Amino acid sequence: LQFNTANFANFGGADSAPWWVVFDAKAPTAVGGVEMATYYPAESSRTVQLFASHDGEHDGWTLVATWTIDAPWGDTRRWLVVETALAARFWKASITETHNGVAPTLHFCKLIAAAE
């Protein structure tokens, strides 16, 4: 899925978690998961959460999935939502913890279409 993430990211600029990126789908869209590639294995994500929101502000964020990765990783990872019938305009991928506790350096973070 290709969405505009301009001005909605908080990766690397903050000293503490969570680090996140918000995707604006412009219309309600079902999402199947998250895919990201880390640059430094030590900074790789330990806990990743996926949230959904209809307006990105006032209705709050609904937690859709949480994934925990036990060991540092340096490749591309894909985490899938097991079951969800939720379609939302805004989606937020949030890294709540990295393996070394500092902000992650990522090659990319993207959403996976529900049908993939």
PDB file of N, CA and C in Angstrom:
ATOM      1  N   LEU A   1       0.842  -1.179   0.000  1.00  0.00           N
ATOM      2  CA  LEU A   1       0.000   0.000   0.000  1.00  0.00           C
ATOM      3  C   LEU A   1       0.882   1.235   0.000  1.00  0.00           C
ATOM      4  N   GLN A   2       0.543   2.195  -0.786  1.00  0.00           N
ATOM      5  CA  GLN A   2       1.317   3.429  -0.867  1.00  0.00           C
ATOM      6  C   GLN A   2       0.481   4.583  -0.332  1.00  0.00           C
ATOM      7  N   PHE A   3       0.892   5.124   0.809  1.00  0.00           N
ATOM      8  CA  PHE A   3       0.207   6.256   1.416  1.00  0.00           C
ATOM      9  C   PHE A   3       1.220   7.350   1.693  1.00  0.00           C
ATOM     10  N   ASN A   4       0.764   8.578   1.739  1.00  0.00           N
ATOM     11  CA  ASN A   4       1.621   9.711   2.067  1.00  0.00           C
ATOM     12  C   ASN A   4       1.899   9.723   3.567  1.00  0.00           C
ATOM     13  N   THR A   5       3.172   9.721   3.963  1.00  0.00           N
ATOM     14  CA  THR A   5       3.537   9.774   5.381  1.00  0.00           C
ATOM     15  C   THR A   5       4.231  11.083   5.732  1.00  0.00           C
ATOM     16  N   ALA A   6       4.213  12.053   4.837  1.00  0.00           N
ATOM     17  CA  ALA A   6       4.892  13.327   5.086  1.00  0.00           C
ATOM     18  C   ALA A   6       4.357  13.989   6.353  1.00  0.00           C
ATOM     19  N   ASN A   7       5.271  14.412   7.202  1.00  0.00           N
ATOM     20  CA  ASN A   7       4.956  15.145   8.424  1.00  0.00           C
ATOM     21  C   ASN A   7       4.196  14.342   9.463  1.00  0.00           C
ATOM     22  N   PHE A   8       4.152  13.037   9.350  1.00  0.00           N
ATOM     23  CA  PHE A   8       3.442  12.223  10.318  1.00  0.00           C
ATOM     24  C   PHE A   8       4.356  11.228  11.017  1.00  0.00           C
ATOM     25  N   ALA A   9       5.653  11.345  10.881  1.00  0.00           N
ATOM     26  CA  ALA A   9       6.562  10.344  11.433  1.00  0.00           C
ATOM     27  C   ALA A   9       7.289  10.860  12.658  1.00  0.00           C
ATOM     28  N   ASN A  10       7.609   9.957  13.555  1.00  0.00           N
ATOM     29  CA  ASN A  10       8.382  10.268  14.751  1.00  0.00           C
ATOM     30  C   ASN A  10       9.430   9.179  14.943  1.00  0.00           C
ATOM     31  N   PHE A  11      10.317   9.004  13.963  1.00  0.00           N
ATOM     32  CA  PHE A  11      11.405   8.039  14.060  1.00  0.00           C
ATOM     33  C   PHE A  11      12.708   8.808  14.189  1.00  0.00           C
ATOM     34  N   GLY A  12      13.449   8.561  15.242  1.00  0.00           N
ATOM     35  CA  GLY A  12      14.768   9.133  15.391  1.00  0.00           C
ATOM     36  C   GLY A  12      14.822  10.512  16.015  1.00  0.00           C
ATOM     37  N   GLY A  13      13.762  11.295  15.899  1.00  0.00           N
ATOM     38  CA  GLY A  13      13.776  12.630  16.461  1.00  0.00           C
ATOM     39  C   GLY A  13      13.506  12.662  17.957  1.00  0.00           C
ATOM     40  N   ALA A  14      12.858  11.640  18.461  1.00  0.00           N
ATOM     41  CA  ALA A  14      12.518  11.599  19.878  1.00  0.00           C
ATOM     42  C   ALA A  14      13.540  10.753  20.630  1.00  0.00           C
ATOM     43  N   ASP A  15      13.802  11.163  21.865  1.00  0.00           N
ATOM     44  CA  ASP A  15      14.780  10.442  22.680  1.00  0.00           C
ATOM     45  C   ASP A  15      14.226   9.172  23.296  1.00  0.00           C
ATOM     46  N   SER A  16      12.916   9.045  23.351  1.00  0.00           N
ATOM     47  CA  SER A  16      12.348   7.858  23.979  1.00  0.00           C
ATOM     48  C   SER A  16      11.125   7.369  23.212  1.00  0.00           C
ATOM     49  N   ALA A  17      10.815   6.107  23.419  1.00  0.00           N
ATOM     50  CA  ALA A  17       9.684   5.467  22.747  1.00  0.00           C
ATOM     51  C   ALA A  17       8.370   6.065  23.252  1.00  0.00           C
ATOM     52  N   PRO A  18       7.309   5.930  22.480  1.00  0.00           N
ATOM     53  CA  PRO A  18       7.265   5.165  21.237  1.00  0.00           C
ATOM     54  C   PRO A  18       7.715   5.992  20.032  1.00  0.00           C
ATOM     55  N   TRP A  19       8.196   5.290  19.037  1.00  0.00           N
ATOM     56  CA  TRP A  19       8.520   5.882  17.744  1.00  0.00           C
ATOM     57  C   TRP A  19       7.449   5.387  16.786  1.00  0.00           C
ATOM     58  N   TRP A  20       6.908   6.263  15.958  1.00  0.00           N
ATOM     59  CA  TRP A  20       5.746   5.881  15.163  1.00  0.00           C
ATOM     60  C   TRP A  20       5.709   6.591  13.817  1.00  0.00           C
ATOM     61  N   VAL A  21       4.865   6.046  12.957  1.00  0.00           N
ATOM     62  CA  VAL A  21       4.556   6.681  11.678  1.00  0.00           C
ATOM     63  C   VAL A  21       3.060   6.485  11.440  1.00  0.00           C
ATOM     64  N   VAL A  22       2.401   7.555  10.983  1.00  0.00           N
ATOM     65  CA  VAL A  22       0.973   7.504  10.683  1.00  0.00           C
ATOM     66  C   VAL A  22       0.798   7.530   9.170  1.00  0.00           C
ATOM     67  N   PHE A  23      -0.030   6.625   8.688  1.00  0.00           N
ATOM     68  CA  PHE A  23      -0.351   6.538   7.264  1.00  0.00           C
ATOM     69  C   PHE A  23      -1.778   7.050   7.061  1.00  0.00           C
ATOM     70  N   ASP A  24      -1.968   7.977   6.137  1.00  0.00           N
ATOM     71  CA  ASP A  24      -3.291   8.497   5.795  1.00  0.00           C
ATOM     72  C   ASP A  24      -3.718   7.837   4.488  1.00  0.00           C
ATOM     73  N   ALA A  25      -4.681   6.921   4.565  1.00  0.00           N
ATOM     74  CA  ALA A  25      -5.146   6.191   3.381  1.00  0.00           C
ATOM     75  C   ALA A  25      -6.152   6.987   2.558  1.00  0.00           C
ATOM     76  N   LYS A  26      -6.588   8.153   3.065  1.00  0.00           N
ATOM     77  CA  LYS A  26      -7.555   9.043   2.399  1.00  0.00           C
ATOM     78  C   LYS A  26      -8.976   8.484   2.377  1.00  0.00           C
ATOM     79  N   ALA A  27      -9.153   7.194   2.603  1.00  0.00           N
ATOM     80  CA  ALA A  27     -10.469   6.550   2.663  1.00  0.00           C
ATOM     81  C   ALA A  27     -10.314   5.293   3.516  1.00  0.00           C
ATOM     82  N   PRO A  28     -11.405   4.807   4.108  1.00  0.00           N
ATOM     83  CA  PRO A  28     -11.300   3.584   4.908  1.00  0.00           C
ATOM     84  C   PRO A  28     -10.692   2.436   4.092  1.00  0.00           C
ATOM     85  N   THR A  29      -9.641   1.848   4.644  1.00  0.00           N
ATOM     86  CA  THR A  29      -8.877   0.805   3.965  1.00  0.00           C
ATOM     87  C   THR A  29      -8.529  -0.292   4.959  1.00  0.00           C
ATOM     88  N   ALA A  30      -8.722  -1.542   4.565  1.00  0.00           N
ATOM     89  CA  ALA A  30      -8.315  -2.671   5.404  1.00  0.00           C
ATOM     90  C   ALA A  30      -6.820  -2.909   5.226  1.00  0.00           C
ATOM     91  N   VAL A  31      -6.145  -3.213   6.316  1.00  0.00           N
ATOM     92  CA  VAL A  31      -4.703  -3.444   6.301  1.00  0.00           C
ATOM     93  C   VAL A  31      -4.419  -4.848   6.820  1.00  0.00           C
ATOM     94  N   GLY A  32      -3.464  -5.516   6.181  1.00  0.00           N
ATOM     95  CA  GLY A  32      -3.131  -6.887   6.567  1.00  0.00           C
ATOM     96  C   GLY A  32      -1.936  -7.011   7.479  1.00  0.00           C
ATOM     97  N   GLY A  33      -1.150  -5.933   7.641  1.00  0.00           N
ATOM     98  CA  GLY A  33       0.014  -6.009   8.509  1.00  0.00           C
ATOM     99  C   GLY A  33       1.002  -4.904   8.228  1.00  0.00           C
ATOM    100  N   VAL A  34       2.216  -5.091   8.753  1.00  0.00           N
ATOM    101  CA  VAL A  34       3.288  -4.107   8.651  1.00  0.00           C
ATOM    102  C   VAL A  34       4.539  -4.802   8.134  1.00  0.00           C
ATOM    103  N   GLU A  35       5.296  -4.097   7.299  1.00  0.00           N
ATOM    104  CA  GLU A  35       6.584  -4.590   6.835  1.00  0.00           C
ATOM    105  C   GLU A  35       7.618  -3.501   7.058  1.00  0.00           C
ATOM    106  N   MET A  36       8.769  -3.873   7.591  1.00  0.00           N
ATOM    107  CA  MET A  36       9.841  -2.896   7.765  1.00  0.00           C
ATOM    108  C   MET A  36      11.196  -3.566   7.636  1.00  0.00           C
ATOM    109  N   ALA A  37      12.187  -2.752   7.320  1.00  0.00           N
ATOM    110  CA  ALA A  37      13.567  -3.212   7.245  1.00  0.00           C
ATOM    111  C   ALA A  37      14.397  -2.307   8.135  1.00  0.00           C
ATOM    112  N   THR A  38      15.198  -2.894   8.986  1.00  0.00           N
ATOM    113  CA  THR A  38      16.035  -2.133   9.901  1.00  0.00           C
ATOM    114  C   THR A  38      17.423  -1.947   9.304  1.00  0.00           C
ATOM    115  N   TYR A  39      18.083  -0.897   9.699  1.00  0.00           N
ATOM    116  CA  TYR A  39      19.423  -0.616   9.206  1.00  0.00           C
ATOM    117  C   TYR A  39      20.480  -1.213  10.134  1.00  0.00           C
ATOM    118  N   TYR A  40      20.320  -1.024  11.435  1.00  0.00           N
ATOM    119  CA  TYR A  40      21.240  -1.585  12.432  1.00  0.00           C
ATOM    120  C   TYR A  40      20.507  -2.633  13.256  1.00  0.00           C
ATOM    121  N   PRO A  41      20.954  -3.890  13.261  1.00  0.00           N
ATOM    122  CA  PRO A  41      20.272  -4.919  14.049  1.00  0.00           C
ATOM    123  C   PRO A  41      20.103  -4.553  15.528  1.00  0.00           C
ATOM    124  N   ALA A  42      21.074  -3.888  16.132  1.00  0.00           N
ATOM    125  CA  ALA A  42      20.958  -3.529  17.553  1.00  0.00           C
ATOM    126  C   ALA A  42      19.779  -2.594  17.792  1.00  0.00           C
ATOM    127  N   GLU A  43      19.445  -1.764  16.803  1.00  0.00           N
ATOM    128  CA  GLU A  43      18.332  -0.822  16.929  1.00  0.00           C
ATOM    129  C   GLU A  43      17.022  -1.400  16.421  1.00  0.00           C
ATOM    130  N   SER A  44      17.003  -2.674  16.091  1.00  0.00           N
ATOM    131  CA  SER A  44      15.800  -3.266  15.519  1.00  0.00           C
ATOM    132  C   SER A  44      14.649  -3.275  16.524  1.00  0.00           C
ATOM    133  N   SER A  45      13.465  -3.315  15.985  1.00  0.00           N
ATOM    134  CA  SER A  45      12.247  -3.287  16.795  1.00  0.00           C
ATOM    135  C   SER A  45      12.138  -4.547  17.642  1.00  0.00           C
ATOM    136  N   ARG A  46      11.806  -4.355  18.913  1.00  0.00           N
ATOM    137  CA  ARG A  46      11.515  -5.474  19.806  1.00  0.00           C
ATOM    138  C   ARG A  46      10.006  -5.646  19.939  1.00  0.00           C
ATOM    139  N   THR A  47       9.285  -4.515  20.020  1.00  0.00           N
ATOM    140  CA  THR A  47       7.827  -4.558  20.095  1.00  0.00           C
ATOM    141  C   THR A  47       7.250  -3.574  19.085  1.00  0.00           C
ATOM    142  N   VAL A  48       6.348  -4.069  18.243  1.00  0.00           N
ATOM    143  CA  VAL A  48       5.691  -3.270  17.213  1.00  0.00           C
ATOM    144  C   VAL A  48       4.187  -3.380  17.434  1.00  0.00           C
ATOM    145  N   GLN A  49       3.502  -2.243  17.356  1.00  0.00           N
ATOM    146  CA  GLN A  49       2.052  -2.236  17.481  1.00  0.00           C
ATOM    147  C   GLN A  49       1.444  -1.561  16.263  1.00  0.00           C
ATOM    148  N   LEU A  50       0.250  -2.026  15.889  1.00  0.00           N
ATOM    149  CA  LEU A  50      -0.501  -1.439  14.786  1.00  0.00           C
ATOM    150  C   LEU A  50      -1.816  -0.914  15.346  1.00  0.00           C
ATOM    151  N   PHE A  51      -2.093   0.363  15.058  1.00  0.00           N
ATOM    152  CA  PHE A  51      -3.315   1.025  15.520  1.00  0.00           C
ATOM    153  C   PHE A  51      -4.105   1.520  14.321  1.00  0.00           C
ATOM    154  N   ALA A  52      -5.429   1.676  14.499  1.00  0.00           N
ATOM    155  CA  ALA A  52      -6.307   2.222  13.466  1.00  0.00           C
ATOM    156  C   ALA A  52      -7.137   3.349  14.049  1.00  0.00           C
ATOM    157  N   SER A  53      -7.489   4.335  13.197  1.00  0.00           N
ATOM    158  CA  SER A  53      -8.334   5.449  13.612  1.00  0.00           C
ATOM    159  C   SER A  53      -9.126   5.936  12.411  1.00  0.00           C
ATOM    160  N   HIS A  54     -10.341   6.370  12.663  1.00  0.00           N
ATOM    161  CA  HIS A  54     -11.160   6.888  11.562  1.00  0.00           C
ATOM    162  C   HIS A  54     -10.828   8.329  11.224  1.00  0.00           C
ATOM    163  N   ASP A  55     -10.411   9.127  12.228  1.00  0.00           N
ATOM    164  CA  ASP A  55     -10.092  10.525  11.928  1.00  0.00           C
ATOM    165  C   ASP A  55      -8.679  10.935  12.347  1.00  0.00           C
ATOM    166  N   GLY A  56      -7.925  10.048  12.981  1.00  0.00           N
ATOM    167  CA  GLY A  56      -6.553  10.340  13.352  1.00  0.00           C
ATOM    168  C   GLY A  56      -6.405  11.263  14.545  1.00  0.00           C
ATOM    169  N   GLU A  57      -7.512  11.674  15.145  1.00  0.00           N
ATOM    170  CA  GLU A  57      -7.448  12.597  16.277  1.00  0.00           C
ATOM    171  C   GLU A  57      -8.492  12.274  17.333  1.00  0.00           C
ATOM    172  N   HIS A  58      -9.719  12.691  17.065  1.00  0.00           N
ATOM    173  CA  HIS A  58     -10.758  12.737  18.085  1.00  0.00           C
ATOM    174  C   HIS A  58     -11.335  11.378  18.470  1.00  0.00           C
ATOM    175  N   ASP A  59     -11.358  10.428  17.561  1.00  0.00           N
ATOM    176  CA  ASP A  59     -11.952   9.137  17.916  1.00  0.00           C
ATOM    177  C   ASP A  59     -10.941   8.198  18.570  1.00  0.00           C
ATOM    178  N   GLY A  60      -9.713   8.672  18.752  1.00  0.00           N
ATOM    179  CA  GLY A  60      -8.691   7.841  19.384  1.00  0.00           C
ATOM    180  C   GLY A  60      -8.142   6.785  18.438  1.00  0.00           C
ATOM    181  N   TRP A  61      -7.275   5.969  18.989  1.00  0.00           N
ATOM    182  CA  TRP A  61      -6.629   4.920  18.219  1.00  0.00           C
ATOM    183  C   TRP A  61      -7.018   3.564  18.786  1.00  0.00           C
ATOM    184  N   THR A  62      -7.386   2.634  17.923  1.00  0.00           N
ATOM    185  CA  THR A  62      -7.743   1.268  18.310  1.00  0.00           C
ATOM    186  C   THR A  62      -6.555   0.359  18.060  1.00  0.00           C
ATOM    187  N   LEU A  63      -6.116  -0.343  19.093  1.00  0.00           N
ATOM    188  CA  LEU A  63      -5.018  -1.298  18.931  1.00  0.00           C
ATOM    189  C   LEU A  63      -5.515  -2.494  18.129  1.00  0.00           C
ATOM    190  N   VAL A  64      -4.845  -2.787  17.022  1.00  0.00           N
ATOM    191  CA  VAL A  64      -5.230  -3.888  16.139  1.00  0.00           C
ATOM    192  C   VAL A  64      -4.353  -5.111  16.374  1.00  0.00           C
ATOM    193  N   ALA A  65      -3.047  -4.897  16.593  1.00  0.00           N
ATOM    194  CA  ALA A  65      -2.130  -6.028  16.774  1.00  0.00           C
ATOM    195  C   ALA A  65      -0.870  -5.576  17.491  1.00  0.00           C
ATOM    196  N   THR A  66      -0.238  -6.502  18.197  1.00  0.00           N
ATOM    197  CA  THR A  66       1.061  -6.291  18.836  1.00  0.00           C
ATOM    198  C   THR A  66       1.946  -7.477  18.489  1.00  0.00           C
ATOM    199  N   TRP A  67       3.185  -7.188  18.081  1.00  0.00           N
ATOM    200  CA  TRP A  67       4.148  -8.235  17.772  1.00  0.00           C
ATOM    201  C   TRP A  67       5.409  -8.012  18.591  1.00  0.00           C
ATOM    202  N   THR A  68       5.971  -9.081  19.141  1.00  0.00           N
ATOM    203  CA  THR A  68       7.212  -9.012  19.905  1.00  0.00           C
ATOM    204  C   THR A  68       8.256  -9.882  19.230  1.00  0.00           C
ATOM    205  N   ILE A  69       9.448  -9.338  19.029  1.00  0.00           N
ATOM    206  CA  ILE A  69      10.547 -10.030  18.361  1.00  0.00           C
ATOM    207  C   ILE A  69      11.637 -10.240  19.411  1.00  0.00           C
ATOM    208  N   ASP A  70      11.987 -11.492  19.685  1.00  0.00           N
ATOM    209  CA  ASP A  70      12.863 -11.825  20.810  1.00  0.00           C
ATOM    210  C   ASP A  70      14.337 -11.490  20.608  1.00  0.00           C
ATOM    211  N   ALA A  71      14.814 -11.497  19.369  1.00  0.00           N
ATOM    212  CA  ALA A  71      16.247 -11.279  19.128  1.00  0.00           C
ATOM    213  C   ALA A  71      16.444 -10.169  18.097  1.00  0.00           C
ATOM    214  N   PRO A  72      17.562  -9.451  18.166  1.00  0.00           N
ATOM    215  CA  PRO A  72      17.842  -8.421  17.155  1.00  0.00           C
ATOM    216  C   PRO A  72      17.815  -9.023  15.746  1.00  0.00           C
ATOM    217  N   TRP A  73      17.424  -8.212  14.781  1.00  0.00           N
ATOM    218  CA  TRP A  73      17.315  -8.670  13.397  1.00  0.00           C
ATOM    219  C   TRP A  73      17.809  -7.588  12.456  1.00  0.00           C
ATOM    220  N   GLY A  74      18.293  -8.002  11.288  1.00  0.00           N
ATOM    221  CA  GLY A  74      18.873  -7.055  10.351  1.00  0.00           C
ATOM    222  C   GLY A  74      18.356  -7.206   8.945  1.00  0.00           C
ATOM    223  N   ASP A  75      17.228  -7.878   8.798  1.00  0.00           N
ATOM    224  CA  ASP A  75      16.661  -8.096   7.472  1.00  0.00           C
ATOM    225  C   ASP A  75      15.304  -7.411   7.374  1.00  0.00           C
ATOM    226  N   THR A  76      14.533  -7.757   6.371  1.00  0.00           N
ATOM    227  CA  THR A  76      13.176  -7.249   6.227  1.00  0.00           C
ATOM    228  C   THR A  76      12.232  -8.183   6.951  1.00  0.00           C
ATOM    229  N   ARG A  77      11.351  -7.622   7.770  1.00  0.00           N
ATOM    230  CA  ARG A  77      10.376  -8.421   8.512  1.00  0.00           C
ATOM    231  C   ARG A  77       8.973  -7.998   8.134  1.00  0.00           C
ATOM    232  N   ARG A  78       8.080  -8.981   8.153  1.00  0.00           N
ATOM    233  CA  ARG A  78       6.672  -8.762   7.829  1.00  0.00           C
ATOM    234  C   ARG A  78       5.838  -9.385   8.936  1.00  0.00           C
ATOM    235  N   TRP A  79       4.968  -8.564   9.523  1.00  0.00           N
ATOM    236  CA  TRP A  79       4.066  -9.055  10.573  1.00  0.00           C
ATOM    237  C   TRP A  79       2.645  -8.900  10.072  1.00  0.00           C
ATOM    238  N   LEU A  80       1.878  -9.983  10.156  1.00  0.00           N
ATOM    239  CA  LEU A  80       0.524  -9.993   9.623  1.00  0.00           C
ATOM    240  C   LEU A  80      -0.513  -9.948  10.734  1.00  0.00           C
ATOM    241  N   VAL A  81      -1.613  -9.288  10.453  1.00  0.00           N
ATOM    242  CA  VAL A  81      -2.753  -9.274  11.358  1.00  0.00           C
ATOM    243  C   VAL A  81      -3.489 -10.587  11.151  1.00  0.00           C
ATOM    244  N   VAL A  82      -3.710 -11.315  12.229  1.00  0.00           N
ATOM    245  CA  VAL A  82      -4.357 -12.620  12.112  1.00  0.00           C
ATOM    246  C   VAL A  82      -5.807 -12.478  11.664  1.00  0.00           C
ATOM    247  N   GLU A  83      -6.574 -11.676  12.380  1.00  0.00           N
ATOM    248  CA  GLU A  83      -7.975 -11.476  12.009  1.00  0.00           C
ATOM    249  C   GLU A  83      -8.361 -10.032  12.268  1.00  0.00           C
ATOM    250  N   THR A  84      -8.887  -9.386  11.266  1.00  0.00           N
ATOM    251  CA  THR A  84      -9.490  -8.069  11.464  1.00  0.00           C
ATOM    252  C   THR A  84     -10.390  -7.754  10.279  1.00  0.00           C
ATOM    253  N   ALA A  85     -11.543  -7.254  10.592  1.00  0.00           N
ATOM    254  CA  ALA A  85     -12.454  -6.795   9.544  1.00  0.00           C
ATOM    255  C   ALA A  85     -12.473  -5.270   9.539  1.00  0.00           C
ATOM    256  N   LEU A  86     -11.531  -4.680  10.249  1.00  0.00           N
ATOM    257  CA  LEU A  86     -11.491  -3.242  10.429  1.00  0.00           C
ATOM    258  C   LEU A  86     -10.925  -2.542   9.198  1.00  0.00           C
ATOM    259  N   ALA A  87     -11.630  -1.530   8.758  1.00  0.00           N
ATOM    260  CA  ALA A  87     -11.119  -0.640   7.712  1.00  0.00           C
ATOM    261  C   ALA A  87     -11.100   0.755   8.317  1.00  0.00           C
ATOM    262  N   ALA A  88      -9.987   1.451   8.196  1.00  0.00           N
ATOM    263  CA  ALA A  88      -9.839   2.781   8.767  1.00  0.00           C
ATOM    264  C   ALA A  88      -9.078   3.672   7.802  1.00  0.00           C
ATOM    265  N   ARG A  89      -9.265   4.978   7.954  1.00  0.00           N
ATOM    266  CA  ARG A  89      -8.536   5.921   7.107  1.00  0.00           C
ATOM    267  C   ARG A  89      -7.091   6.065   7.577  1.00  0.00           C
ATOM    268  N   PHE A  90      -6.874   6.144   8.892  1.00  0.00           N
ATOM    269  CA  PHE A  90      -5.539   6.353   9.454  1.00  0.00           C
ATOM    270  C   PHE A  90      -5.027   5.075  10.115  1.00  0.00           C
ATOM    271  N   TRP A  91      -3.774   4.763   9.851  1.00  0.00           N
ATOM    272  CA  TRP A  91      -3.109   3.605  10.453  1.00  0.00           C
ATOM    273  C   TRP A  91      -1.792   4.072  11.047  1.00  0.00           C
ATOM    274  N   LYS A  92      -1.478   3.590  12.239  1.00  0.00           N
ATOM    275  CA  LYS A  92      -0.229   3.982  12.901  1.00  0.00           C
ATOM    276  C   LYS A  92       0.578   2.737  13.258  1.00  0.00           C
ATOM    277  N   ALA A  93       1.817   2.686  12.759  1.00  0.00           N
ATOM    278  CA  ALA A  93       2.775   1.656  13.160  1.00  0.00           C
ATOM    279  C   ALA A  93       3.632   2.281  14.249  1.00  0.00           C
ATOM    280  N   SER A  94       3.683   1.639  15.400  1.00  0.00           N
ATOM    281  CA  SER A  94       4.384   2.190  16.550  1.00  0.00           C
ATOM    282  C   SER A  94       5.404   1.187  17.074  1.00  0.00           C
ATOM    283  N   ILE A  95       6.636   1.638  17.240  1.00  0.00           N
ATOM    284  CA  ILE A  95       7.677   0.816  17.855  1.00  0.00           C
ATOM    285  C   ILE A  95       7.775   1.274  19.301  1.00  0.00           C
ATOM    286  N   THR A  96       7.386   0.402  20.208  1.00  0.00           N
ATOM    287  CA  THR A  96       7.372   0.780  21.620  1.00  0.00           C
ATOM    288  C   THR A  96       8.658   0.396  22.331  1.00  0.00           C
ATOM    289  N   GLU A  97       9.471  -0.433  21.674  1.00  0.00           N
ATOM    290  CA  GLU A  97      10.738  -0.860  22.287  1.00  0.00           C
ATOM    291  C   GLU A  97      11.681  -1.360  21.192  1.00  0.00           C
ATOM    292  N   THR A  98      12.965  -0.996  21.301  1.00  0.00           N
ATOM    293  CA  THR A  98      13.991  -1.544  20.420  1.00  0.00           C
ATOM    294  C   THR A  98      14.925  -2.412  21.263  1.00  0.00           C
ATOM    295  N   HIS A  99      15.790  -3.160  20.603  1.00  0.00           N
ATOM    296  CA  HIS A  99      16.664  -4.087  21.324  1.00  0.00           C
ATOM    297  C   HIS A  99      17.740  -3.380  22.133  1.00  0.00           C
ATOM    298  N   ASN A 100      18.138  -2.168  21.738  1.00  0.00           N
ATOM    299  CA  ASN A 100      19.140  -1.449  22.542  1.00  0.00           C
ATOM    300  C   ASN A 100      18.575  -0.189  23.201  1.00  0.00           C
ATOM    301  N   GLY A 101      17.282   0.049  23.060  1.00  0.00           N
ATOM    302  CA  GLY A 101      16.640   1.155  23.744  1.00  0.00           C
ATOM    303  C   GLY A 101      16.737   2.519  23.074  1.00  0.00           C
ATOM    304  N   VAL A 102      17.374   2.594  21.912  1.00  0.00           N
ATOM    305  CA  VAL A 102      17.469   3.875  21.204  1.00  0.00           C
ATOM    306  C   VAL A 102      16.543   3.852  19.992  1.00  0.00           C
ATOM    307  N   ALA A 103      16.331   5.027  19.418  1.00  0.00           N
ATOM    308  CA  ALA A 103      15.445   5.140  18.261  1.00  0.00           C
ATOM    309  C   ALA A 103      15.928   4.251  17.119  1.00  0.00           C
ATOM    310  N   PRO A 104      14.999   3.591  16.427  1.00  0.00           N
ATOM    311  CA  PRO A 104      15.388   2.715  15.324  1.00  0.00           C
ATOM    312  C   PRO A 104      15.811   3.507  14.089  1.00  0.00           C
ATOM    313  N   THR A 105      16.723   2.932  13.331  1.00  0.00           N
ATOM    314  CA  THR A 105      17.074   3.451  12.016  1.00  0.00           C
ATOM    315  C   THR A 105      16.533   2.446  11.010  1.00  0.00           C
ATOM    316  N   LEU A 106      15.566   2.882  10.213  1.00  0.00           N
ATOM    317  CA  LEU A 106      14.878   1.968   9.297  1.00  0.00           C
ATOM    318  C   LEU A 106      15.155   2.328   7.845  1.00  0.00           C
ATOM    319  N   HIS A 107      15.225   1.287   7.013  1.00  0.00           N
ATOM    320  CA  HIS A 107      15.245   1.509   5.567  1.00  0.00           C
ATOM    321  C   HIS A 107      13.850   1.930   5.117  1.00  0.00           C
ATOM    322  N   PHE A 108      12.817   1.241   5.640  1.00  0.00           N
ATOM    323  CA  PHE A 108      11.446   1.595   5.313  1.00  0.00           C
ATOM    324  C   PHE A 108      10.499   0.976   6.329  1.00  0.00           C
ATOM    325  N   CYS A 109       9.299   1.528   6.363  1.00  0.00           N
ATOM    326  CA  CYS A 109       8.193   0.987   7.137  1.00  0.00           C
ATOM    327  C   CYS A 109       6.964   1.169   6.250  1.00  0.00           C
ATOM    328  N   LYS A 110       6.253   0.084   5.948  1.00  0.00           N
ATOM    329  CA  LYS A 110       5.085   0.204   5.086  1.00  0.00           C
ATOM    330  C   LYS A 110       3.978  -0.730   5.551  1.00  0.00           C
ATOM    331  N   LEU A 111       2.776  -0.452   5.075  1.00  0.00           N
ATOM    332  CA  LEU A 111       1.631  -1.290   5.388  1.00  0.00           C
ATOM    333  C   LEU A 111       1.435  -2.318   4.296  1.00  0.00           C
ATOM    334  N   ILE A 112       0.904  -3.459   4.693  1.00  0.00           N
ATOM    335  CA  ILE A 112       0.621  -4.549   3.765  1.00  0.00           C
ATOM    336  C   ILE A 112      -0.883  -4.583   3.524  1.00  0.00           C
ATOM    337  N   ALA A 113      -1.279  -4.724   2.270  1.00  0.00           N
ATOM    338  CA  ALA A 113      -2.696  -4.805   1.943  1.00  0.00           C
ATOM    339  C   ALA A 113      -3.310  -6.039   2.592  1.00  0.00           C
ATOM    340  N   ALA A 114      -4.586  -5.956   2.935  1.00  0.00           N
ATOM    341  CA  ALA A 114      -5.267  -7.048   3.620  1.00  0.00           C
ATOM    342  C   ALA A 114      -5.285  -8.337   2.792  1.00  0.00           C
ATOM    343  N   ALA A 115      -5.250  -8.234   1.482  1.00  0.00           N
ATOM    344  CA  ALA A 115      -5.321  -9.406   0.626  1.00  0.00           C
ATOM    345  C   ALA A 115      -3.992 -10.106   0.404  1.00  0.00           C
ATOM    346  N   GLU A 116      -2.872  -9.501   0.818  1.00  0.00           N
ATOM    347  CA  GLU A 116      -1.563 -10.105   0.550  1.00  0.00           C
ATOM    348  C   GLU A 116      -1.302 -11.297   1.436  1.00  0.00           C
TER     349      GLU A 116
END
